[in-house]
C-alpha atoms as a PDB file:
ATOM      1  CA  MET A   1      -5.419   4.554   9.004  1.00  0.00           C
ATOM      2  CA  ALA A   2      -6.640   3.452  12.437  1.00  0.00           C
ATOM      3  CA  LEU A   3      -5.545   5.225  15.555  1.00  0.00           C
ATOM      4  CA  VAL A   4      -2.866   3.422  17.386  1.00  0.00           C
ATOM      5  CA  PHE A   5      -1.323   4.653  20.668  1.00  0.00           C
ATOM      6  CA  ILE A   6      -0.034   3.287  23.938  1.00  0.00           C
ATOM      7  CA  VAL A   7      -1.407   4.647  27.177  1.00  0.00           C
ATOM      8  CA  SER A   8       1.604   4.927  29.533  1.00  0.00           C
ATOM      9  CA  THR A   9      -2.903  19.332  10.800  1.00  0.00           C
ATOM     10  CA  LEU A  10      -1.850  24.078  10.352  1.00  0.00           C
ATOM     11  CA  PRO A  11      -3.207  27.066   8.369  1.00  0.00           C
ATOM     12  CA  VAL A  12      -0.924  28.348   5.645  1.00  0.00           C
ATOM     13  CA  GLY A  13       2.716  27.854   6.092  1.00  0.00           C
ATOM     14  CA  GLY A  14       3.524  24.054   6.625  1.00  0.00           C
ATOM     15  CA  CYS A  15       6.839  23.865   8.299  1.00  0.00           C
ATOM     16  CA  ASP A  16       6.768  27.382   9.676  1.00  0.00           C
ATOM     17  CA  ARG A  17       3.518  26.646  11.431  1.00  0.00           C
ATOM     18  CA  GLU A  18       5.004  23.683  13.192  1.00  0.00           C
ATOM     19  CA  LYS A  19       7.968  25.780  14.310  1.00  0.00           C
ATOM     20  CA  ALA A  20       5.582  28.424  15.548  1.00  0.00           C
ATOM     21  CA  ALA A  21       3.483  26.079  17.674  1.00  0.00           C
ATOM     22  CA  GLU A  22       4.660  25.902  21.222  1.00  0.00           C
ATOM     23  CA  PRO A  23       3.376  23.800  24.150  1.00  0.00           C
ATOM     24  CA  ALA A  24       1.648  25.648  27.067  1.00  0.00           C
ATOM     25  CA  THR A  25       4.178  26.505  29.830  1.00  0.00           C
ATOM     26  CA  SER A  26       3.934  27.939  33.331  1.00  0.00           C
ATOM     27  CA  SER A  27       5.715  31.106  34.293  1.00  0.00           C
ATOM     28  CA  SER A  28       8.086  29.123  36.536  1.00  0.00           C
ATOM     29  CA  ALA A  29       8.994  26.730  33.792  1.00  0.00           C
ATOM     30  CA  ALA A  30       9.549  29.506  31.403  1.00  0.00           C
ATOM     31  CA  ALA A  31      11.979  31.181  33.744  1.00  0.00           C
ATOM     32  CA  SER A  32      14.512  28.461  33.675  1.00  0.00           C
ATOM     33  CA  ALA A  33      15.183  25.410  31.511  1.00  0.00           C
ATOM     34  CA  SER A  34      16.083  23.486  34.678  1.00  0.00           C
ATOM     35  CA  ALA A  35      12.657  24.158  35.990  1.00  0.00           C
ATOM     36  CA  HIS A  36      10.982  22.295  33.187  1.00  0.00           C
ATOM     37  CA  PRO A  37       8.872  19.496  34.881  1.00  0.00           C
ATOM     38  CA  CYS A  38      10.060  16.932  32.304  1.00  0.00           C
ATOM     39  CA  ALA A  39      13.634  17.849  32.987  1.00  0.00           C
ATOM     40  CA  LEU A  40      13.004  17.413  36.656  1.00  0.00           C
ATOM     41  CA  GLY A  41      11.571  13.974  36.045  1.00  0.00           C
ATOM     42  CA  ASP A  42       8.048  14.953  37.173  1.00  0.00           C
ATOM     43  CA  ASP A  43       5.039  12.795  36.253  1.00  0.00           C
ATOM     44  CA  VAL A  44       3.454  15.017  33.524  1.00  0.00           C
ATOM     45  CA  ASP A  45       0.891  12.468  32.019  1.00  0.00           C
ATOM     46  CA  PRO A  46      -2.662  11.822  33.113  1.00  0.00           C
ATOM     47  CA  PRO A  47      -3.543   8.601  34.854  1.00  0.00           C
ATOM     48  CA  ALA A  48      -3.728   5.596  32.555  1.00  0.00           C
ATOM     49  CA  GLY A  49      -7.428   5.186  33.190  1.00  0.00           C
ATOM     50  CA  ARG A  50      -8.319   8.632  31.807  1.00  0.00           C
ATOM     51  CA  LEU A  51      -6.538   8.006  28.510  1.00  0.00           C
ATOM     52  CA  LEU A  52      -8.111   4.518  28.285  1.00  0.00           C
ATOM     53  CA  ALA A  53     -11.444   6.337  28.501  1.00  0.00           C
ATOM     54  CA  VAL A  54     -10.573   8.546  25.609  1.00  0.00           C
ATOM     55  CA  ARG A  55      -9.408   5.588  23.557  1.00  0.00           C
ATOM     56  CA  ASP A  56     -12.685   3.884  24.127  1.00  0.00           C
ATOM     57  CA  GLN A  57     -14.468   7.059  22.857  1.00  0.00           C
ATOM     58  CA  PHE A  58     -12.243   7.086  19.716  1.00  0.00           C
ATOM     59  CA  GLU A  59     -12.891   3.444  18.994  1.00  0.00           C
ATOM     60  CA  GLN A  60     -16.658   4.070  19.327  1.00  0.00           C
ATOM     61  CA  LYS A  61     -16.138   6.848  16.779  1.00  0.00           C
ATOM     62  CA  ASP A  62     -17.360   9.401  19.367  1.00  0.00           C
ATOM     63  CA  TYR A  63     -14.704  11.928  18.090  1.00  0.00           C
ATOM     64  CA  ALA A  64     -16.471  15.016  19.481  1.00  0.00           C
ATOM     65  CA  GLN A  65     -16.511  13.685  23.037  1.00  0.00           C
ATOM     66  CA  ALA A  66     -12.888  12.507  22.736  1.00  0.00           C
ATOM     67  CA  GLU A  67     -11.747  15.877  21.448  1.00  0.00           C
ATOM     68  CA  ARG A  68     -13.558  17.586  24.353  1.00  0.00           C
ATOM     69  CA  ALA A  69     -11.872  15.295  26.927  1.00  0.00           C
ATOM     70  CA  LEU A  70      -8.470  15.593  25.388  1.00  0.00           C
ATOM     71  CA  ARG A  71      -8.678  19.365  25.291  1.00  0.00           C
ATOM     72  CA  ALA A  72      -9.495  19.409  28.989  1.00  0.00           C
ATOM     73  CA  LEU A  73      -6.629  17.003  29.712  1.00  0.00           C
ATOM     74  CA  ALA A  74      -4.305  19.247  27.682  1.00  0.00           C
ATOM     75  CA  LYS A  75      -5.109  22.157  30.066  1.00  0.00           C
ATOM     76  CA  GLU A  76      -4.757  20.061  33.049  1.00  0.00           C
ATOM     77  CA  TYR A  77      -1.603  18.319  31.865  1.00  0.00           C
ATOM     78  CA  PRO A  78       0.206  20.949  29.733  1.00  0.00           C
ATOM     79  CA  TYR A  79       3.463  18.959  29.564  1.00  0.00           C
ATOM     80  CA  SER A  80       1.907  15.711  28.408  1.00  0.00           C
ATOM     81  CA  ALA A  81       3.219  14.707  24.875  1.00  0.00           C
ATOM     82  CA  VAL A  82       0.850  11.870  24.750  1.00  0.00           C
ATOM     83  CA  VAL A  83      -2.252  13.960  25.247  1.00  0.00           C
ATOM     84  CA  ARG A  84      -1.221  16.302  22.470  1.00  0.00           C
ATOM     85  CA  PHE A  85      -0.341  13.338  20.215  1.00  0.00           C
ATOM     86  CA  VAL A  86      -3.720  11.667  20.711  1.00  0.00           C
ATOM     87  CA  LEU A  87      -5.560  14.870  20.309  1.00  0.00           C
ATOM     88  CA  GLY A  88      -3.763  15.366  16.996  1.00  0.00           C
ATOM     89  CA  ASP A  89      -4.857  11.866  15.854  1.00  0.00           C
ATOM     90  CA  THR A  90      -8.459  12.440  17.004  1.00  0.00           C
ATOM     91  CA  LEU A  91      -8.689  15.624  15.025  1.00  0.00           C
ATOM     92  CA  LEU A  92      -6.985  14.024  11.904  1.00  0.00           C
ATOM     93  CA  TYR A  93      -8.931  10.823  11.754  1.00  0.00           C
ATOM     94  CA  GLY A  94     -12.278  12.187  13.049  1.00  0.00           C
ATOM     95  CA  ALA A  95     -12.910  14.157   9.888  1.00  0.00           C
ATOM     96  CA  GLY A  96     -15.713  13.181   7.510  1.00  0.00           C
ATOM     97  CA  SER A  97     -15.369  12.425   3.903  1.00  0.00           C
ATOM     98  CA  ASP A  98     -16.145  15.979   2.616  1.00  0.00           C
ATOM     99  CA  THR A  99     -12.963  17.377   1.047  1.00  0.00           C
ATOM    100  CA  ALA A 100     -12.980  20.688   2.897  1.00  0.00           C
ATOM    101  CA  GLU A 101     -13.506  18.913   6.190  1.00  0.00           C
ATOM    102  CA  TYR A 102     -10.862  16.466   5.402  1.00  0.00           C
ATOM    103  CA  GLU A 103      -8.260  19.204   4.754  1.00  0.00           C
ATOM    104  CA  HIS A 104      -9.465  21.270   7.705  1.00  0.00           C
ATOM    105  CA  ALA A 105      -8.813  18.198   9.921  1.00  0.00           C
ATOM    106  CA  ALA A 106      -5.190  18.325   8.819  1.00  0.00           C
ATOM    107  CA  GLN A 107      -4.869  21.975   9.561  1.00  0.00           C
ATOM    108  CA  SER A 108      -6.284  21.364  13.042  1.00  0.00           C
ATOM    109  CA  ALA A 109      -4.074  18.319  13.851  1.00  0.00           C
ATOM    110  CA  LEU A 110      -0.795  19.767  12.872  1.00  0.00           C
ATOM    111  CA  PRO A 111      -0.374  22.264  15.693  1.00  0.00           C
ATOM    112  CA  GLN A 112      -1.175  19.478  18.196  1.00  0.00           C
ATOM    113  CA  TYR A 113       1.450  17.178  16.666  1.00  0.00           C
ATOM    114  CA  ALA A 114       3.957  20.087  16.688  1.00  0.00           C
ATOM    115  CA  GLN A 115       3.345  20.704  20.385  1.00  0.00           C
ATOM    116  CA  ALA A 116       3.815  16.994  21.101  1.00  0.00           C
ATOM    117  CA  ARG A 117       7.038  16.964  19.189  1.00  0.00           C
ATOM    118  CA  ALA A 118       8.323  20.023  20.998  1.00  0.00           C
ATOM    119  CA  LEU A 119       7.542  18.437  24.326  1.00  0.00           C
ATOM    120  CA  VAL A 120       9.434  15.347  23.379  1.00  0.00           C
ATOM    121  CA  HIS A 121      12.356  17.395  22.432  1.00  0.00           C
ATOM    122  CA  GLN A 122      12.214  18.930  25.853  1.00  0.00           C
ATOM    123  CA  GLY A 123      12.449  15.460  27.504  1.00  0.00           C
ATOM    124  CA  CYS A 124       8.751  14.664  28.036  1.00  0.00           C
ATOM    125  CA  PRO A 125       8.183  10.906  27.743  1.00  0.00           C
ATOM    126  CA  LEU A 126       6.498   9.241  24.861  1.00  0.00           C
ATOM    127  CA  ALA A 127       6.687   5.549  24.013  1.00  0.00           C
ATOM    128  CA  GLU A 128       8.722   4.726  20.920  1.00  0.00           C
ATOM    129  CA  ARG A 129       5.662   3.348  19.095  1.00  0.00           C
ATOM    130  CA  ASP A 130       3.830   6.651  19.948  1.00  0.00           C
ATOM    131  CA  GLU A 131       6.693   8.584  18.626  1.00  0.00           C
ATOM    132  CA  TYR A 132       6.577   6.771  15.344  1.00  0.00           C
ATOM    133  CA  TYR A 133       2.852   7.352  14.917  1.00  0.00           C
ATOM    134  CA  LEU A 134       3.387  11.019  15.977  1.00  0.00           C
ATOM    135  CA  LEU A 135       5.774  11.506  12.998  1.00  0.00           C
ATOM    136  CA  MET A 136       3.539   9.537  10.715  1.00  0.00           C
ATOM    137  CA  GLY A 137       0.444  11.500  11.710  1.00  0.00           C
ATOM    138  CA  SER A 138       2.330  14.738  10.916  1.00  0.00           C
ATOM    139  CA  ALA A 139       3.330  13.414   7.610  1.00  0.00           C
ATOM    140  CA  TYR A 140      -0.227  12.232   6.786  1.00  0.00           C
ATOM    141  CA  ALA A 141      -1.532  15.708   7.578  1.00  0.00           C
ATOM    142  CA  HIS A 142       0.994  17.373   5.313  1.00  0.00           C
ATOM    143  CA  LEU A 143       0.211  15.042   2.558  1.00  0.00           C
ATOM    144  CA  ARG A 144      -3.521  15.826   2.871  1.00  0.00           C
ATOM    145  CA  GLU A 145      -2.533  19.442   2.390  1.00  0.00           C
ATOM    146  CA  ARG A 146      -0.577  18.350  -0.641  1.00  0.00           C
ATOM    147  CA  ASP A 147       2.583  19.794   0.928  1.00  0.00           C
ATOM    148  CA  GLY A 148       5.266  17.386  -0.312  1.00  0.00           C
ATOM    149  CA  ALA A 149       8.182  19.316   1.012  1.00  0.00           C
ATOM    150  CA  ALA A 150       6.834  19.411   4.661  1.00  0.00           C
ATOM    151  CA  ALA A 151       5.787  15.759   4.440  1.00  0.00           C
ATOM    152  CA  THR A 152       9.349  14.855   3.201  1.00  0.00           C
ATOM    153  CA  ALA A 153      11.017  16.566   6.065  1.00  0.00           C
ATOM    154  CA  VAL A 154       8.994  14.777   8.689  1.00  0.00           C
ATOM    155  CA  LEU A 155       9.309  11.375   6.958  1.00  0.00           C
ATOM    156  CA  GLU A 156      13.046  11.751   6.517  1.00  0.00           C
ATOM    157  CA  GLU A 157      13.284  12.204  10.310  1.00  0.00           C
ATOM    158  CA  ALA A 158      11.176   9.022  10.688  1.00  0.00           C
ATOM    159  CA  TYR A 159      13.351   7.100   8.233  1.00  0.00           C
ATOM    160  CA  ARG A 160      16.624   7.983   9.973  1.00  0.00           C
ATOM    161  CA  ARG A 161      15.115   6.330  13.155  1.00  0.00           C
ATOM    162  CA  TRP A 162      13.262   3.508  11.611  1.00  0.00           C
ATOM    163  CA  PRO A 163      14.874   2.612   8.258  1.00  0.00           C
ATOM    164  CA  THR A 164      13.077  -0.829   8.070  1.00  0.00           C
ATOM    165  CA  SER A 165       9.661   0.578   7.869  1.00  0.00           C
ATOM    166  CA  ALA A 166       8.142   0.083   4.311  1.00  0.00           C
ATOM    167  CA  GLU A 167       5.367   2.454   5.400  1.00  0.00           C
ATOM    168  CA  ILE A 168       7.770   5.351   5.750  1.00  0.00           C
ATOM    169  CA  THR A 169       9.352   4.859   2.328  1.00  0.00           C
ATOM    170  CA  TYR A 170       6.042   4.427   0.606  1.00  0.00           C
ATOM    171  CA  HIS A 171       4.870   7.821   1.898  1.00  0.00           C
ATOM    172  CA  LEU A 172       8.293   9.308   1.022  1.00  0.00           C
ATOM    173  CA  ALA A 173       7.340   8.120  -2.544  1.00  0.00           C
ATOM    174  CA  ARG A 174       4.058   9.871  -2.269  1.00  0.00           C
ATOM    175  CA  ALA A 175       5.756  13.165  -1.029  1.00  0.00           C
ATOM    176  CA  ALA A 176       8.315  12.912  -3.866  1.00  0.00           C
ATOM    177  CA  CYS A 177       5.605  12.611  -6.503  1.00  0.00           C
ATOM    178  CA  LEU A 178       3.827  15.570  -5.016  1.00  0.00           C
ATOM    179  CA  ARG A 179       7.095  17.544  -5.353  1.00  0.00           C
ATOM    180  CA  GLY A 180       7.334  16.493  -9.080  1.00  0.00           C
ATOM    181  CA  ASP A 181      10.462  14.262  -8.502  1.00  0.00           C
ATOM    182  CA  VAL A 182       9.377  11.164 -10.305  1.00  0.00           C
ATOM    183  CA  ALA A 183      12.852   9.585 -10.135  1.00  0.00           C
ATOM    184  CA  GLU A 184      12.890   9.798  -6.388  1.00  0.00           C
ATOM    185  CA  CYS A 185       9.342   8.594  -6.217  1.00  0.00           C
ATOM    186  CA  ALA A 186      10.271   5.514  -8.098  1.00  0.00           C
ATOM    187  CA  ALA A 187      13.374   4.919  -5.970  1.00  0.00           C
ATOM    188  CA  ARG A 188      11.476   5.263  -2.735  1.00  0.00           C
ATOM    189  CA  PHE A 189       8.735   2.894  -4.075  1.00  0.00           C
ATOM    190  CA  GLU A 190      11.434   0.344  -4.993  1.00  0.00           C
ATOM    191  CA  THR A 191      12.784   0.576  -1.568  1.00  0.00           C
ATOM    192  CA  THR A 192       9.400  -0.068  -0.173  1.00  0.00           C
ATOM    193  CA  LEU A 193       9.194  -3.249  -2.109  1.00  0.00           C
ATOM    194  CA  HIS A 194      12.719  -4.258  -1.012  1.00  0.00           C
ATOM    195  CA  ILE A 195      11.827  -3.875   2.593  1.00  0.00           C
ATOM    196  CA  ALA A 196       8.522  -5.810   2.247  1.00  0.00           C
ATOM    197  CA  ARG A 197      10.301  -8.606   0.482  1.00  0.00           C
ATOM    198  CA  ALA A 198      12.871  -8.813   3.208  1.00  0.00           C
ATOM    199  CA  LEU A 199       9.998  -9.072   5.844  1.00  0.00           C
ATOM    200  CA  GLN A 200      11.545  -6.171   7.740  1.00  0.00           C
ATOM    201  CA  ARG A 201       9.631  -3.880  10.015  1.00  0.00           C
ATOM    202  CA  PRO A 202      10.161  -1.973  13.394  1.00  0.00           C
ATOM    203  CA  ARG A 203       9.633  -4.368  16.258  1.00  0.00           C
ATOM    204  CA  PHE A 204       6.519  -2.623  17.584  1.00  0.00           C
ATOM    205  CA  LEU A 205       4.639  -2.751  14.370  1.00  0.00           C
ATOM    206  CA  ARG A 206       2.356  -5.794  14.373  1.00  0.00           C
ATOM    207  CA  THR A 207       1.276  -5.735  10.809  1.00  0.00           C
ATOM    208  CA  HIS A 208       3.398  -6.586   7.808  1.00  0.00           C
ATOM    209  CA  HIS A 209       2.265  -5.607   4.283  1.00  0.00           C
ATOM    210  CA  SER A 210       3.411  -7.780   1.491  1.00  0.00           C
ATOM    211  CA  VAL A 211       4.916  -6.818  -1.796  1.00  0.00           C
ATOM    212  CA  ASP A 212       1.575  -7.410  -3.424  1.00  0.00           C
ATOM    213  CA  ASP A 213      -0.133  -5.191  -0.892  1.00  0.00           C
ATOM    214  CA  TRP A 214       2.147  -2.245  -1.765  1.00  0.00           C
ATOM    215  CA  ILE A 215       1.898  -2.804  -5.505  1.00  0.00           C
ATOM    216  CA  ARG A 216      -1.902  -3.026  -5.270  1.00  0.00           C
ATOM    217  CA  ARG A 217      -2.028   0.195  -3.338  1.00  0.00           C
ATOM    218  CA  SER A 218       0.262   1.962  -5.777  1.00  0.00           C
ATOM    219  CA  ARG A 219      -2.092   1.243  -8.649  1.00  0.00           C
ATOM    220  CA  THR A 220      -4.759   3.678  -7.205  1.00  0.00           C
ATOM    221  CA  GLN A 221      -2.604   5.997  -5.065  1.00  0.00           C
ATOM    222  CA  SER A 222      -3.719   9.533  -5.808  1.00  0.00           C
ATOM    223  CA  GLU A 223      -0.190  11.038  -5.904  1.00  0.00           C
ATOM    224  CA  PHE A 224       1.192   8.273  -8.211  1.00  0.00           C
ATOM    225  CA  PRO A 225      -0.144   9.069 -11.745  1.00  0.00           C
ATOM    226  CA  PRO A 226       3.296  10.489 -12.703  1.00  0.00           C
ATOM    227  CA  LEU A 227       4.943   7.268 -11.288  1.00  0.00           C
ATOM    228  CA  ARG A 228       2.433   4.933 -13.098  1.00  0.00           C
ATOM    229  CA  LYS A 229       3.215   6.634 -16.374  1.00  0.00           C
ATOM    230  CA  SER A 230       6.888   6.305 -16.000  1.00  0.00           C
ATOM    231  CA  PRO A 231       8.954   3.532 -17.552  1.00  0.00           C
ATOM    232  CA  ALA A 232      10.639   2.916 -14.155  1.00  0.00           C
ATOM    233  CA  TYR A 233       7.368   1.838 -12.599  1.00  0.00           C
ATOM    234  CA  ALA A 234       6.603  -0.662 -15.387  1.00  0.00           C
ATOM    235  CA  LYS A 235      10.147  -1.996 -15.350  1.00  0.00           C
ATOM    236  CA  LEU A 236      10.086  -2.397 -11.600  1.00  0.00           C
ATOM    237  CA  LEU A 237       6.815  -4.384 -11.680  1.00  0.00           C
ATOM    238  CA  LYS A 238       8.059  -6.564 -14.462  1.00  0.00           C
ATOM    239  CA  ARG A 239      11.226  -7.376 -12.403  1.00  0.00           C
ATOM    240  CA  VAL A 240       9.208  -8.082  -9.265  1.00  0.00           C
ATOM    241  CA  GLU A 241       6.992 -10.472 -11.257  1.00  0.00           C
ATOM    242  CA  SER A 242      10.062 -12.256 -12.614  1.00  0.00           C
ATOM    243  CA  GLU A 243      11.425 -12.807  -9.169  1.00  0.00           C
ATOM    244  CA  ARG A 244       8.471 -14.568  -7.847  1.00  0.00           C
END
């Protein structure tokens, strides 16, 4: 999944780790909720040019340099949700193909996503598209850890906001299969195909995946063996084929 953001991954415990992660705060901000810079409408994000430079580093696959720059920005701008979000993506997508490194990246990214989400809840600004990918990044990280319950919780939150995203329902199907709920997995996958057929998507998503795209992906999806073995899957594909 390519990094997408607009300039303007936890050790054991899944959801508990996200709850435990807190953004850095100054003593004055901690003293009173009304003193929180975001509540006061202060400008809490870095200049656009500095974030553009980080994006360039990411696109050049210079993940180590991007991480260093973002960690420095996080200290300088402790209330910036976008910095935490982009740092989470950099950690998640900058991992190599080694299984241990791949899973460690998820553990490293999740605290950053959790802090970004906490800042958003405190009123710190984040573009809608970035909010979408913040939740999706959190879900992807939980799925890497094979934590279906934690992934479901994040994806349900995303689905309430963006019910026309086939991407969300597809990953809800993955999470359901991880939890061993094949019936829900099949139902979520069917919803994915329905949304794709209706050509629906959130307005900020540029890419639309067709029904064929999602079916092709489902045939090799690592969480889907129970789905592919179920009568519901074969029945659904047969019905889709008959409706062409």
